[in-house]
Amino acid sequence: MRLHTELVGEWPPRAVFLHGLLGRGRNWHLVAKALADAGHSSLLVDLPNHGASDWTDHFSYAQLADQVAAELRELVPDRRIALVGHSMGGKIAMLIALRHWELVHKLVVIDIAPSQS
């Protein structure tokens, strides 16, 4: 499975942005552009089943987190990133931080709270 990503700024990215339900990576474009203007690059991700990314037959937050983590390992090897997630993307970001902690340097979660479900 491949995820559609967009780099804003110079390679390698320092921050990775995950959008909310029914969104896409470009939802973060204005924020990423402001960071790029300040010299910080960002990677905008279309999460699975959203935007230009591949679609799955099954939905699971853990599966989505693992898919994003696998993509990050390929795209940004040997680099820990600042991971920013909004709503559903925040839930996925929290799971990435728990399940793939070695990828995450900083975590920002917006508009979602951790829960057991």
PDB file of N, CA and C in Angstrom:
ATOM      1  N   MET A   1       0.846  -1.177   0.000  1.00  0.00           N
ATOM      2  CA  MET A   1       0.000   0.000   0.000  1.00  0.00           C
ATOM      3  C   MET A   1       0.888   1.236   0.000  1.00  0.00           C
ATOM      4  N   ARG A   2       0.576   2.153  -0.869  1.00  0.00           N
ATOM      5  CA  ARG A   2       1.318   3.414  -0.921  1.00  0.00           C
ATOM      6  C   ARG A   2       0.435   4.551  -0.436  1.00  0.00           C
ATOM      7  N   LEU A   3       1.071   5.472   0.257  1.00  0.00           N
ATOM      8  CA  LEU A   3       0.390   6.675   0.716  1.00  0.00           C
ATOM      9  C   LEU A   3       0.862   7.854  -0.122  1.00  0.00           C
ATOM     10  N   HIS A   4      -0.067   8.695  -0.488  1.00  0.00           N
ATOM     11  CA  HIS A   4       0.278   9.913  -1.214  1.00  0.00           C
ATOM     12  C   HIS A   4       0.833  10.924  -0.207  1.00  0.00           C
ATOM     13  N   THR A   5       1.971  11.515  -0.531  1.00  0.00           N
ATOM     14  CA  THR A   5       2.578  12.524   0.331  1.00  0.00           C
ATOM     15  C   THR A   5       2.977  13.730  -0.509  1.00  0.00           C
ATOM     16  N   GLU A   6       3.091  14.860   0.173  1.00  0.00           N
ATOM     17  CA  GLU A   6       3.551  16.093  -0.478  1.00  0.00           C
ATOM     18  C   GLU A   6       4.591  16.742   0.426  1.00  0.00           C
ATOM     19  N   LEU A   7       5.763  16.999  -0.112  1.00  0.00           N
ATOM     20  CA  LEU A   7       6.813  17.693   0.618  1.00  0.00           C
ATOM     21  C   LEU A   7       6.649  19.194   0.432  1.00  0.00           C
ATOM     22  N   VAL A   8       6.672  19.922   1.536  1.00  0.00           N
ATOM     23  CA  VAL A   8       6.651  21.386   1.485  1.00  0.00           C
ATOM     24  C   VAL A   8       7.953  21.850   2.114  1.00  0.00           C
ATOM     25  N   GLY A   9       8.832  22.434   1.313  1.00  0.00           N
ATOM     26  CA  GLY A   9      10.164  22.814   1.774  1.00  0.00           C
ATOM     27  C   GLY A   9      11.203  21.860   1.223  1.00  0.00           C
ATOM     28  N   GLU A  10      12.366  21.852   1.855  1.00  0.00           N
ATOM     29  CA  GLU A  10      13.506  21.040   1.398  1.00  0.00           C
ATOM     30  C   GLU A  10      13.531  19.686   2.089  1.00  0.00           C
ATOM     31  N   TRP A  11      14.066  18.703   1.394  1.00  0.00           N
ATOM     32  CA  TRP A  11      14.217  17.369   1.963  1.00  0.00           C
ATOM     33  C   TRP A  11      15.371  17.363   2.940  1.00  0.00           C
ATOM     34  N   PRO A  12      15.371  16.693   4.058  1.00  0.00           N
ATOM     35  CA  PRO A  12      14.301  15.856   4.590  1.00  0.00           C
ATOM     36  C   PRO A  12      13.330  16.653   5.448  1.00  0.00           C
ATOM     37  N   PRO A  13      12.100  16.168   5.574  1.00  0.00           N
ATOM     38  CA  PRO A  13      11.115  16.881   6.383  1.00  0.00           C
ATOM     39  C   PRO A  13      11.420  16.760   7.878  1.00  0.00           C
ATOM     40  N   ARG A  14      11.084  17.806   8.618  1.00  0.00           N
ATOM     41  CA  ARG A  14      11.221  17.789  10.079  1.00  0.00           C
ATOM     42  C   ARG A  14       9.906  17.464  10.745  1.00  0.00           C
ATOM     43  N   ALA A  15       8.792  17.767  10.068  1.00  0.00           N
ATOM     44  CA  ALA A  15       7.459  17.531  10.625  1.00  0.00           C
ATOM     45  C   ALA A  15       6.621  16.745   9.629  1.00  0.00           C
ATOM     46  N   VAL A  16       5.732  15.908  10.164  1.00  0.00           N
ATOM     47  CA  VAL A  16       4.788  15.141   9.353  1.00  0.00           C
ATOM     48  C   VAL A  16       3.394  15.456   9.874  1.00  0.00           C
ATOM     49  N   PHE A  17       2.483  15.801   8.961  1.00  0.00           N
ATOM     50  CA  PHE A  17       1.127  16.190   9.320  1.00  0.00           C
ATOM     51  C   PHE A  17       0.123  15.135   8.872  1.00  0.00           C
ATOM     52  N   LEU A  18      -0.773  14.756   9.792  1.00  0.00           N
ATOM     53  CA  LEU A  18      -1.838  13.794   9.520  1.00  0.00           C
ATOM     54  C   LEU A  18      -3.190  14.492   9.693  1.00  0.00           C
ATOM     55  N   HIS A  19      -4.012  14.440   8.679  1.00  0.00           N
ATOM     56  CA  HIS A  19      -5.300  15.142   8.653  1.00  0.00           C
ATOM     57  C   HIS A  19      -6.389  14.365   9.392  1.00  0.00           C
ATOM     58  N   GLY A  20      -7.543  15.006   9.513  1.00  0.00           N
ATOM     59  CA  GLY A  20      -8.705  14.384  10.138  1.00  0.00           C
ATOM     60  C   GLY A  20      -9.569  13.625   9.140  1.00  0.00           C
ATOM     61  N   LEU A  21     -10.643  13.041   9.655  1.00  0.00           N
ATOM     62  CA  LEU A  21     -11.576  12.255   8.854  1.00  0.00           C
ATOM     63  C   LEU A  21     -12.093  13.080   7.672  1.00  0.00           C
ATOM     64  N   LEU A  22     -12.128  12.455   6.517  1.00  0.00           N
ATOM     65  CA  LEU A  22     -12.585  13.041   5.257  1.00  0.00           C
ATOM     66  C   LEU A  22     -11.685  14.155   4.739  1.00  0.00           C
ATOM     67  N   GLY A  23     -10.504  14.312   5.334  1.00  0.00           N
ATOM     68  CA  GLY A  23      -9.569  15.335   4.887  1.00  0.00           C
ATOM     69  C   GLY A  23      -8.526  14.769   3.951  1.00  0.00           C
ATOM     70  N   ARG A  24      -7.471  15.535   3.779  1.00  0.00           N
ATOM     71  CA  ARG A  24      -6.298  15.102   3.001  1.00  0.00           C
ATOM     72  C   ARG A  24      -5.109  15.921   3.462  1.00  0.00           C
ATOM     73  N   GLY A  25      -3.921  15.520   3.091  1.00  0.00           N
ATOM     74  CA  GLY A  25      -2.708  16.194   3.540  1.00  0.00           C
ATOM     75  C   GLY A  25      -2.695  17.684   3.253  1.00  0.00           C
ATOM     76  N   ARG A  26      -3.247  18.076   2.115  1.00  0.00           N
ATOM     77  CA  ARG A  26      -3.237  19.500   1.739  1.00  0.00           C
ATOM     78  C   ARG A  26      -4.013  20.382   2.713  1.00  0.00           C
ATOM     79  N   ASN A  27      -4.805  19.789   3.589  1.00  0.00           N
ATOM     80  CA  ASN A  27      -5.487  20.585   4.614  1.00  0.00           C
ATOM     81  C   ASN A  27      -4.474  21.351   5.468  1.00  0.00           C
ATOM     82  N   TRP A  28      -3.248  20.851   5.527  1.00  0.00           N
ATOM     83  CA  TRP A  28      -2.179  21.450   6.338  1.00  0.00           C
ATOM     84  C   TRP A  28      -1.269  22.356   5.520  1.00  0.00           C
ATOM     85  N   HIS A  29      -1.599  22.622   4.270  1.00  0.00           N
ATOM     86  CA  HIS A  29      -0.665  23.326   3.387  1.00  0.00           C
ATOM     87  C   HIS A  29      -0.280  24.718   3.893  1.00  0.00           C
ATOM     88  N   LEU A  30      -1.217  25.503   4.398  1.00  0.00           N
ATOM     89  CA  LEU A  30      -0.879  26.852   4.864  1.00  0.00           C
ATOM     90  C   LEU A  30       0.091  26.816   6.046  1.00  0.00           C
ATOM     91  N   VAL A  31      -0.119  25.884   6.949  1.00  0.00           N
ATOM     92  CA  VAL A  31       0.788  25.739   8.098  1.00  0.00           C
ATOM     93  C   VAL A  31       2.167  25.298   7.607  1.00  0.00           C
ATOM     94  N   ALA A  32       2.186  24.306   6.720  1.00  0.00           N
ATOM     95  CA  ALA A  32       3.458  23.797   6.192  1.00  0.00           C
ATOM     96  C   ALA A  32       4.201  24.880   5.409  1.00  0.00           C
ATOM     97  N   LYS A  33       3.467  25.697   4.663  1.00  0.00           N
ATOM     98  CA  LYS A  33       4.100  26.789   3.903  1.00  0.00           C
ATOM     99  C   LYS A  33       4.730  27.808   4.846  1.00  0.00           C
ATOM    100  N   ALA A  34       4.028  28.151   5.922  1.00  0.00           N
ATOM    101  CA  ALA A  34       4.588  29.087   6.902  1.00  0.00           C
ATOM    102  C   ALA A  34       5.844  28.507   7.545  1.00  0.00           C
ATOM    103  N   LEU A  35       5.837  27.218   7.836  1.00  0.00           N
ATOM    104  CA  LEU A  35       7.040  26.575   8.390  1.00  0.00           C
ATOM    105  C   LEU A  35       8.176  26.579   7.368  1.00  0.00           C
ATOM    106  N   ALA A  36       7.849  26.309   6.104  1.00  0.00           N
ATOM    107  CA  ALA A  36       8.879  26.308   5.054  1.00  0.00           C
ATOM    108  C   ALA A  36       9.489  27.697   4.902  1.00  0.00           C
ATOM    109  N   ASP A  37       8.663  28.734   5.000  1.00  0.00           N
ATOM    110  CA  ASP A  37       9.169  30.105   4.916  1.00  0.00           C
ATOM    111  C   ASP A  37      10.135  30.417   6.054  1.00  0.00           C
ATOM    112  N   ALA A  38       9.979  29.698   7.179  1.00  0.00           N
ATOM    113  CA  ALA A  38      10.878  29.870   8.327  1.00  0.00           C
ATOM    114  C   ALA A  38      12.038  28.877   8.296  1.00  0.00           C
ATOM    115  N   GLY A  39      12.138  28.085   7.207  1.00  0.00           N
ATOM    116  CA  GLY A  39      13.260  27.168   7.055  1.00  0.00           C
ATOM    117  C   GLY A  39      13.025  25.757   7.548  1.00  0.00           C
ATOM    118  N   HIS A  40      11.774  25.382   7.804  1.00  0.00           N
ATOM    119  CA  HIS A  40      11.455  24.040   8.307  1.00  0.00           C
ATOM    120  C   HIS A  40      10.569  23.317   7.306  1.00  0.00           C
ATOM    121  N   SER A  41      10.970  22.142   6.886  1.00  0.00           N
ATOM    122  CA  SER A  41      10.202  21.406   5.885  1.00  0.00           C
ATOM    123  C   SER A  41       9.194  20.472   6.541  1.00  0.00           C
ATOM    124  N   SER A  42       8.144  20.153   5.780  1.00  0.00           N
ATOM    125  CA  SER A  42       7.063  19.311   6.276  1.00  0.00           C
ATOM    126  C   SER A  42       6.647  18.304   5.215  1.00  0.00           C
ATOM    127  N   LEU A  43       6.116  17.183   5.693  1.00  0.00           N
ATOM    128  CA  LEU A  43       5.557  16.168   4.821  1.00  0.00           C
ATOM    129  C   LEU A  43       4.063  16.080   5.120  1.00  0.00           C
ATOM    130  N   LEU A  44       3.240  16.285   4.109  1.00  0.00           N
ATOM    131  CA  LEU A  44       1.789  16.201   4.245  1.00  0.00           C
ATOM    132  C   LEU A  44       1.351  14.836   3.729  1.00  0.00           C
ATOM    133  N   VAL A  45       0.603  14.111   4.536  1.00  0.00           N
ATOM    134  CA  VAL A  45       0.232  12.732   4.211  1.00  0.00           C
ATOM    135  C   VAL A  45      -1.266  12.634   3.959  1.00  0.00           C
ATOM    136  N   ASP A  46      -1.640  11.998   2.855  1.00  0.00           N
ATOM    137  CA  ASP A  46      -3.023  11.552   2.670  1.00  0.00           C
ATOM    138  C   ASP A  46      -3.103  10.190   3.347  1.00  0.00           C
ATOM    139  N   LEU A  47      -3.865  10.106   4.423  1.00  0.00           N
ATOM    140  CA  LEU A  47      -3.985   8.848   5.151  1.00  0.00           C
ATOM    141  C   LEU A  47      -4.657   7.787   4.281  1.00  0.00           C
ATOM    142  N   PRO A  48      -4.483   6.500   4.608  1.00  0.00           N
ATOM    143  CA  PRO A  48      -5.172   5.454   3.849  1.00  0.00           C
ATOM    144  C   PRO A  48      -6.672   5.737   3.788  1.00  0.00           C
ATOM    145  N   ASN A  49      -7.264   5.427   2.670  1.00  0.00           N
ATOM    146  CA  ASN A  49      -8.698   5.624   2.427  1.00  0.00           C
ATOM    147  C   ASN A  49      -9.077   7.102   2.303  1.00  0.00           C
ATOM    148  N   HIS A  50      -8.115   7.960   2.017  1.00  0.00           N
ATOM    149  CA  HIS A  50      -8.358   9.394   1.874  1.00  0.00           C
ATOM    150  C   HIS A  50      -7.511   9.940   0.722  1.00  0.00           C
ATOM    151  N   GLY A  51      -8.019  10.988   0.096  1.00  0.00           N
ATOM    152  CA  GLY A  51      -7.249  11.685  -0.927  1.00  0.00           C
ATOM    153  C   GLY A  51      -6.740  10.759  -2.013  1.00  0.00           C
ATOM    154  N   ALA A  52      -5.468  10.912  -2.362  1.00  0.00           N
ATOM    155  CA  ALA A  52      -4.860  10.132  -3.448  1.00  0.00           C
ATOM    156  C   ALA A  52      -4.159   8.870  -2.952  1.00  0.00           C
ATOM    157  N   SER A  53      -4.299   8.540  -1.669  1.00  0.00           N
ATOM    158  CA  SER A  53      -3.678   7.319  -1.142  1.00  0.00           C
ATOM    159  C   SER A  53      -4.512   6.094  -1.493  1.00  0.00           C
ATOM    160  N   ASP A  54      -3.877   4.926  -1.380  1.00  0.00           N
ATOM    161  CA  ASP A  54      -4.575   3.669  -1.642  1.00  0.00           C
ATOM    162  C   ASP A  54      -5.694   3.461  -0.628  1.00  0.00           C
ATOM    163  N   TRP A  55      -6.670   2.687  -1.043  1.00  0.00           N
ATOM    164  CA  TRP A  55      -7.826   2.373  -0.198  1.00  0.00           C
ATOM    165  C   TRP A  55      -7.736   0.927   0.257  1.00  0.00           C
ATOM    166  N   THR A  56      -8.294   0.661   1.425  1.00  0.00           N
ATOM    167  CA  THR A  56      -8.251  -0.677   2.013  1.00  0.00           C
ATOM    168  C   THR A  56      -9.657  -1.265   2.083  1.00  0.00           C
ATOM    169  N   ASP A  57      -9.725  -2.577   2.279  1.00  0.00           N
ATOM    170  CA  ASP A  57     -11.013  -3.249   2.450  1.00  0.00           C
ATOM    171  C   ASP A  57     -11.440  -3.272   3.912  1.00  0.00           C
ATOM    172  N   HIS A  58     -10.489  -3.027   4.807  1.00  0.00           N
ATOM    173  CA  HIS A  58     -10.746  -3.141   6.245  1.00  0.00           C
ATOM    174  C   HIS A  58     -10.255  -1.883   6.950  1.00  0.00           C
ATOM    175  N   PHE A  59     -11.012  -1.412   7.958  1.00  0.00           N
ATOM    176  CA  PHE A  59     -10.606  -0.224   8.704  1.00  0.00           C
ATOM    177  C   PHE A  59     -10.198  -0.615  10.113  1.00  0.00           C
ATOM    178  N   SER A  60      -9.000  -0.206  10.506  1.00  0.00           N
ATOM    179  CA  SER A  60      -8.502  -0.419  11.864  1.00  0.00           C
ATOM    180  C   SER A  60      -7.497   0.690  12.147  1.00  0.00           C
ATOM    181  N   TYR A  61      -7.660   1.376  13.281  1.00  0.00           N
ATOM    182  CA  TYR A  61      -6.708   2.427  13.627  1.00  0.00           C
ATOM    183  C   TYR A  61      -5.297   1.873  13.744  1.00  0.00           C
ATOM    184  N   ALA A  62      -5.157   0.699  14.349  1.00  0.00           N
ATOM    185  CA  ALA A  62      -3.827   0.095  14.493  1.00  0.00           C
ATOM    186  C   ALA A  62      -3.223  -0.190  13.115  1.00  0.00           C
ATOM    187  N   GLN A  63      -4.044  -0.713  12.193  1.00  0.00           N
ATOM    188  CA  GLN A  63      -3.560  -0.998  10.839  1.00  0.00           C
ATOM    189  C   GLN A  63      -3.138   0.293  10.133  1.00  0.00           C
ATOM    190  N   LEU A  64      -3.935   1.347  10.273  1.00  0.00           N
ATOM    191  CA  LEU A  64      -3.582   2.621   9.641  1.00  0.00           C
ATOM    192  C   LEU A  64      -2.284   3.172  10.213  1.00  0.00           C
ATOM    193  N   ALA A  65      -2.129   3.095  11.549  1.00  0.00           N
ATOM    194  CA  ALA A  65      -0.898   3.574  12.193  1.00  0.00           C
ATOM    195  C   ALA A  65       0.306   2.795  11.687  1.00  0.00           C
ATOM    196  N   ASP A  66       0.164   1.482  11.569  1.00  0.00           N
ATOM    197  CA  ASP A  66       1.277   0.661  11.080  1.00  0.00           C
ATOM    198  C   ASP A  66       1.618   0.989   9.624  1.00  0.00           C
ATOM    199  N   GLN A  67       0.592   1.261   8.813  1.00  0.00           N
ATOM    200  CA  GLN A  67       0.833   1.619   7.409  1.00  0.00           C
ATOM    201  C   GLN A  67       1.564   2.955   7.291  1.00  0.00           C
ATOM    202  N   VAL A  68       1.152   3.928   8.087  1.00  0.00           N
ATOM    203  CA  VAL A  68       1.831   5.226   8.066  1.00  0.00           C
ATOM    204  C   VAL A  68       3.259   5.078   8.568  1.00  0.00           C
ATOM    205  N   ALA A  69       3.455   4.305   9.630  1.00  0.00           N
ATOM    206  CA  ALA A  69       4.801   4.089  10.171  1.00  0.00           C
ATOM    207  C   ALA A  69       5.707   3.428   9.132  1.00  0.00           C
ATOM    208  N   ALA A  70       5.190   2.446   8.414  1.00  0.00           N
ATOM    209  CA  ALA A  70       5.986   1.774   7.373  1.00  0.00           C
ATOM    210  C   ALA A  70       6.395   2.770   6.290  1.00  0.00           C
ATOM    211  N   GLU A  71       5.467   3.641   5.906  1.00  0.00           N
ATOM    212  CA  GLU A  71       5.780   4.651   4.890  1.00  0.00           C
ATOM    213  C   GLU A  71       6.843   5.627   5.402  1.00  0.00           C
ATOM    214  N   LEU A  72       6.719   6.039   6.657  1.00  0.00           N
ATOM    215  CA  LEU A  72       7.705   6.964   7.234  1.00  0.00           C
ATOM    216  C   LEU A  72       9.088   6.313   7.301  1.00  0.00           C
ATOM    217  N   ARG A  73       9.136   5.035   7.627  1.00  0.00           N
ATOM    218  CA  ARG A  73      10.430   4.334   7.656  1.00  0.00           C
ATOM    219  C   ARG A  73      11.099   4.359   6.291  1.00  0.00           C
ATOM    220  N   GLU A  74      10.301   4.225   5.238  1.00  0.00           N
ATOM    221  CA  GLU A  74      10.850   4.268   3.877  1.00  0.00           C
ATOM    222  C   GLU A  74      11.262   5.667   3.469  1.00  0.00           C
ATOM    223  N   LEU A  75      10.392   6.627   3.737  1.00  0.00           N
ATOM    224  CA  LEU A  75      10.612   7.992   3.258  1.00  0.00           C
ATOM    225  C   LEU A  75      11.651   8.762   4.067  1.00  0.00           C
ATOM    226  N   VAL A  76      11.671   8.552   5.373  1.00  0.00           N
ATOM    227  CA  VAL A  76      12.564   9.316   6.244  1.00  0.00           C
ATOM    228  C   VAL A  76      13.344   8.354   7.139  1.00  0.00           C
ATOM    229  N   PRO A  77      14.182   7.504   6.529  1.00  0.00           N
ATOM    230  CA  PRO A  77      14.912   6.533   7.343  1.00  0.00           C
ATOM    231  C   PRO A  77      15.912   7.221   8.272  1.00  0.00           C
ATOM    232  N   ASP A  78      16.112   6.616   9.422  1.00  0.00           N
ATOM    233  CA  ASP A  78      17.108   7.098  10.395  1.00  0.00           C
ATOM    234  C   ASP A  78      16.865   8.535  10.828  1.00  0.00           C
ATOM    235  N   ARG A  79      15.606   8.941  10.864  1.00  0.00           N
ATOM    236  CA  ARG A  79      15.287  10.310  11.295  1.00  0.00           C
ATOM    237  C   ARG A  79      14.010  10.285  12.108  1.00  0.00           C
ATOM    238  N   ARG A  80      14.059  10.845  13.300  1.00  0.00           N
ATOM    239  CA  ARG A  80      12.864  10.986  14.122  1.00  0.00           C
ATOM    240  C   ARG A  80      12.196  12.312  13.759  1.00  0.00           C
ATOM    241  N   ILE A  81      10.878  12.293  13.711  1.00  0.00           N
ATOM    242  CA  ILE A  81      10.140  13.448  13.215  1.00  0.00           C
ATOM    243  C   ILE A  81       9.198  14.009  14.283  1.00  0.00           C
ATOM    244  N   ALA A  82       8.788  15.241  14.052  1.00  0.00           N
ATOM    245  CA  ALA A  82       7.704  15.829  14.828  1.00  0.00           C
ATOM    246  C   ALA A  82       6.424  15.411  14.113  1.00  0.00           C
ATOM    247  N   LEU A  83       5.559  14.707  14.819  1.00  0.00           N
ATOM    248  CA  LEU A  83       4.344  14.154  14.234  1.00  0.00           C
ATOM    249  C   LEU A  83       3.154  14.958  14.749  1.00  0.00           C
ATOM    250  N   VAL A  84       2.378  15.525  13.810  1.00  0.00           N
ATOM    251  CA  VAL A  84       1.227  16.363  14.156  1.00  0.00           C
ATOM    252  C   VAL A  84      -0.016  15.707  13.573  1.00  0.00           C
ATOM    253  N   GLY A  85      -1.023  15.485  14.416  1.00  0.00           N
ATOM    254  CA  GLY A  85      -2.258  14.876  13.944  1.00  0.00           C
ATOM    255  C   GLY A  85      -3.479  15.605  14.438  1.00  0.00           C
ATOM    256  N   HIS A  86      -4.455  15.752  13.559  1.00  0.00           N
ATOM    257  CA  HIS A  86      -5.727  16.399  13.901  1.00  0.00           C
ATOM    258  C   HIS A  86      -6.845  15.362  13.851  1.00  0.00           C
ATOM    259  N   SER A  87      -7.667  15.324  14.887  1.00  0.00           N
ATOM    260  CA  SER A  87      -8.839  14.474  14.948  1.00  0.00           C
ATOM    261  C   SER A  87      -8.448  13.018  14.674  1.00  0.00           C
ATOM    262  N   MET A  88      -8.982  12.388  13.628  1.00  0.00           N
ATOM    263  CA  MET A  88      -8.621  11.008  13.321  1.00  0.00           C
ATOM    264  C   MET A  88      -7.108  10.872  13.133  1.00  0.00           C
ATOM    265  N   GLY A  89      -6.487  11.863  12.500  1.00  0.00           N
ATOM    266  CA  GLY A  89      -5.034  11.850  12.339  1.00  0.00           C
ATOM    267  C   GLY A  89      -4.321  11.913  13.678  1.00  0.00           C
ATOM    268  N   GLY A  90      -4.925  12.574  14.662  1.00  0.00           N
ATOM    269  CA  GLY A  90      -4.374  12.615  16.012  1.00  0.00           C
ATOM    270  C   GLY A  90      -4.404  11.253  16.673  1.00  0.00           C
ATOM    271  N   LYS A  91      -5.492  10.533  16.459  1.00  0.00           N
ATOM    272  CA  LYS A  91      -5.589   9.177  17.014  1.00  0.00           C
ATOM    273  C   LYS A  91      -4.525   8.270  16.383  1.00  0.00           C
ATOM    274  N   ILE A  92      -4.353   8.403  15.082  1.00  0.00           N
ATOM    275  CA  ILE A  92      -3.328   7.613  14.394  1.00  0.00           C
ATOM    276  C   ILE A  92      -1.935   8.027  14.870  1.00  0.00           C
ATOM    277  N   ALA A  93      -1.717   9.325  15.043  1.00  0.00           N
ATOM    278  CA  ALA A  93      -0.418   9.810  15.528  1.00  0.00           C
ATOM    279  C   ALA A  93      -0.110   9.247  16.921  1.00  0.00           C
ATOM    280  N   MET A  94      -1.120   9.213  17.806  1.00  0.00           N
ATOM    281  CA  MET A  94      -0.902   8.649  19.144  1.00  0.00           C
ATOM    282  C   MET A  94      -0.529   7.173  19.061  1.00  0.00           C
ATOM    283  N   LEU A  95      -1.192   6.447  18.185  1.00  0.00           N
ATOM    284  CA  LEU A  95      -0.868   5.022  18.034  1.00  0.00           C
ATOM    285  C   LEU A  95       0.530   4.829  17.450  1.00  0.00           C
ATOM    286  N   ILE A  96       0.916   5.678  16.519  1.00  0.00           N
ATOM    287  CA  ILE A  96       2.284   5.596  15.985  1.00  0.00           C
ATOM    288  C   ILE A  96       3.282   5.833  17.104  1.00  0.00           C
ATOM    289  N   ALA A  97       3.024   6.836  17.943  1.00  0.00           N
ATOM    290  CA  ALA A  97       3.934   7.137  19.052  1.00  0.00           C
ATOM    291  C   ALA A  97       4.018   5.966  20.031  1.00  0.00           C
ATOM    292  N   LEU A  98       2.926   5.245  20.234  1.00  0.00           N
ATOM    293  CA  LEU A  98       2.931   4.093  21.144  1.00  0.00           C
ATOM    294  C   LEU A  98       3.558   2.857  20.512  1.00  0.00           C
ATOM    295  N   ARG A  99       3.200   2.579  19.280  1.00  0.00           N
ATOM    296  CA  ARG A  99       3.614   1.332  18.622  1.00  0.00           C
ATOM    297  C   ARG A  99       4.962   1.451  17.894  1.00  0.00           C
ATOM    298  N   HIS A 100       5.309   2.665  17.492  1.00  0.00           N
ATOM    299  CA  HIS A 100       6.533   2.894  16.708  1.00  0.00           C
ATOM    300  C   HIS A 100       7.264   4.103  17.279  1.00  0.00           C
ATOM    301  N   TRP A 101       7.483   4.097  18.560  1.00  0.00           N
ATOM    302  CA  TRP A 101       8.034   5.242  19.298  1.00  0.00           C
ATOM    303  C   TRP A 101       9.370   5.712  18.745  1.00  0.00           C
ATOM    304  N   GLU A 102      10.121   4.814  18.132  1.00  0.00           N
ATOM    305  CA  GLU A 102      11.449   5.181  17.634  1.00  0.00           C
ATOM    306  C   GLU A 102      11.386   6.161  16.454  1.00  0.00           C
ATOM    307  N   LEU A 103      10.220   6.334  15.863  1.00  0.00           N
ATOM    308  CA  LEU A 103      10.052   7.262  14.740  1.00  0.00           C
ATOM    309  C   LEU A 103       9.755   8.695  15.188  1.00  0.00           C
ATOM    310  N   VAL A 104       9.275   8.836  16.429  1.00  0.00           N
ATOM    311  CA  VAL A 104       8.703  10.107  16.860  1.00  0.00           C
ATOM    312  C   VAL A 104       9.624  10.847  17.819  1.00  0.00           C
ATOM    313  N   HIS A 105       9.968  12.069  17.437  1.00  0.00           N
ATOM    314  CA  HIS A 105      10.749  12.954  18.302  1.00  0.00           C
ATOM    315  C   HIS A 105       9.811  13.811  19.152  1.00  0.00           C
ATOM    316  N   LYS A 106       8.769  14.343  18.517  1.00  0.00           N
ATOM    317  CA  LYS A 106       7.761  15.161  19.198  1.00  0.00           C
ATOM    318  C   LYS A 106       6.390  14.769  18.673  1.00  0.00           C
ATOM    319  N   LEU A 107       5.388  14.921  19.526  1.00  0.00           N
ATOM    320  CA  LEU A 107       4.018  14.565  19.153  1.00  0.00           C
ATOM    321  C   LEU A 107       3.091  15.718  19.500  1.00  0.00           C
ATOM    322  N   VAL A 108       2.274  16.127  18.522  1.00  0.00           N
ATOM    323  CA  VAL A 108       1.256  17.152  18.730  1.00  0.00           C
ATOM    324  C   VAL A 108      -0.072  16.550  18.296  1.00  0.00           C
ATOM    325  N   VAL A 109      -1.042  16.562  19.210  1.00  0.00           N
ATOM    326  CA  VAL A 109      -2.361  15.995  18.931  1.00  0.00           C
ATOM    327  C   VAL A 109      -3.389  17.102  19.108  1.00  0.00           C
ATOM    328  N   ILE A 110      -4.227  17.288  18.084  1.00  0.00           N
ATOM    329  CA  ILE A 110      -5.196  18.378  18.070  1.00  0.00           C
ATOM    330  C   ILE A 110      -6.608  17.802  17.939  1.00  0.00           C
ATOM    331  N   ASP A 111      -7.487  18.195  18.856  1.00  0.00           N
ATOM    332  CA  ASP A 111      -8.909  17.919  18.742  1.00  0.00           C
ATOM    333  C   ASP A 111      -9.272  16.438  18.815  1.00  0.00           C
ATOM    334  N   ILE A 112      -8.593  15.693  19.660  1.00  0.00           N
ATOM    335  CA  ILE A 112      -8.948  14.301  19.911  1.00  0.00           C
ATOM    336  C   ILE A 112      -8.333  13.914  21.253  1.00  0.00           C
ATOM    337  N   ALA A 113      -9.017  13.067  21.989  1.00  0.00           N
ATOM    338  CA  ALA A 113      -8.519  12.602  23.278  1.00  0.00           C
ATOM    339  C   ALA A 113      -8.266  11.101  23.195  1.00  0.00           C
ATOM    340  N   PRO A 114      -7.278  10.608  23.939  1.00  0.00           N
ATOM    341  CA  PRO A 114      -7.049   9.161  23.946  1.00  0.00           C
ATOM    342  C   PRO A 114      -8.239   8.451  24.599  1.00  0.00           C
ATOM    343  N   SER A 115      -8.549   7.271  24.097  1.00  0.00           N
ATOM    344  CA  SER A 115      -9.611   6.459  24.682  1.00  0.00           C
ATOM    345  C   SER A 115      -9.288   4.988  24.464  1.00  0.00           C
ATOM    346  N   GLN A 116     -10.060   4.131  25.074  1.00  0.00           N
ATOM    347  CA  GLN A 116      -9.855   2.700  24.943  1.00  0.00           C
ATOM    348  C   GLN A 116     -10.436   2.142  23.653  1.00  0.00           C
ATOM    349  N   SER A 117     -11.333   2.864  22.999  1.00  0.00           N
ATOM    350  CA  SER A 117     -11.969   2.316  21.809  1.00  0.00           C
ATOM    351  C   SER A 117     -11.293   2.742  20.542  1.00  0.00           C
TER     352      SER A 117
END
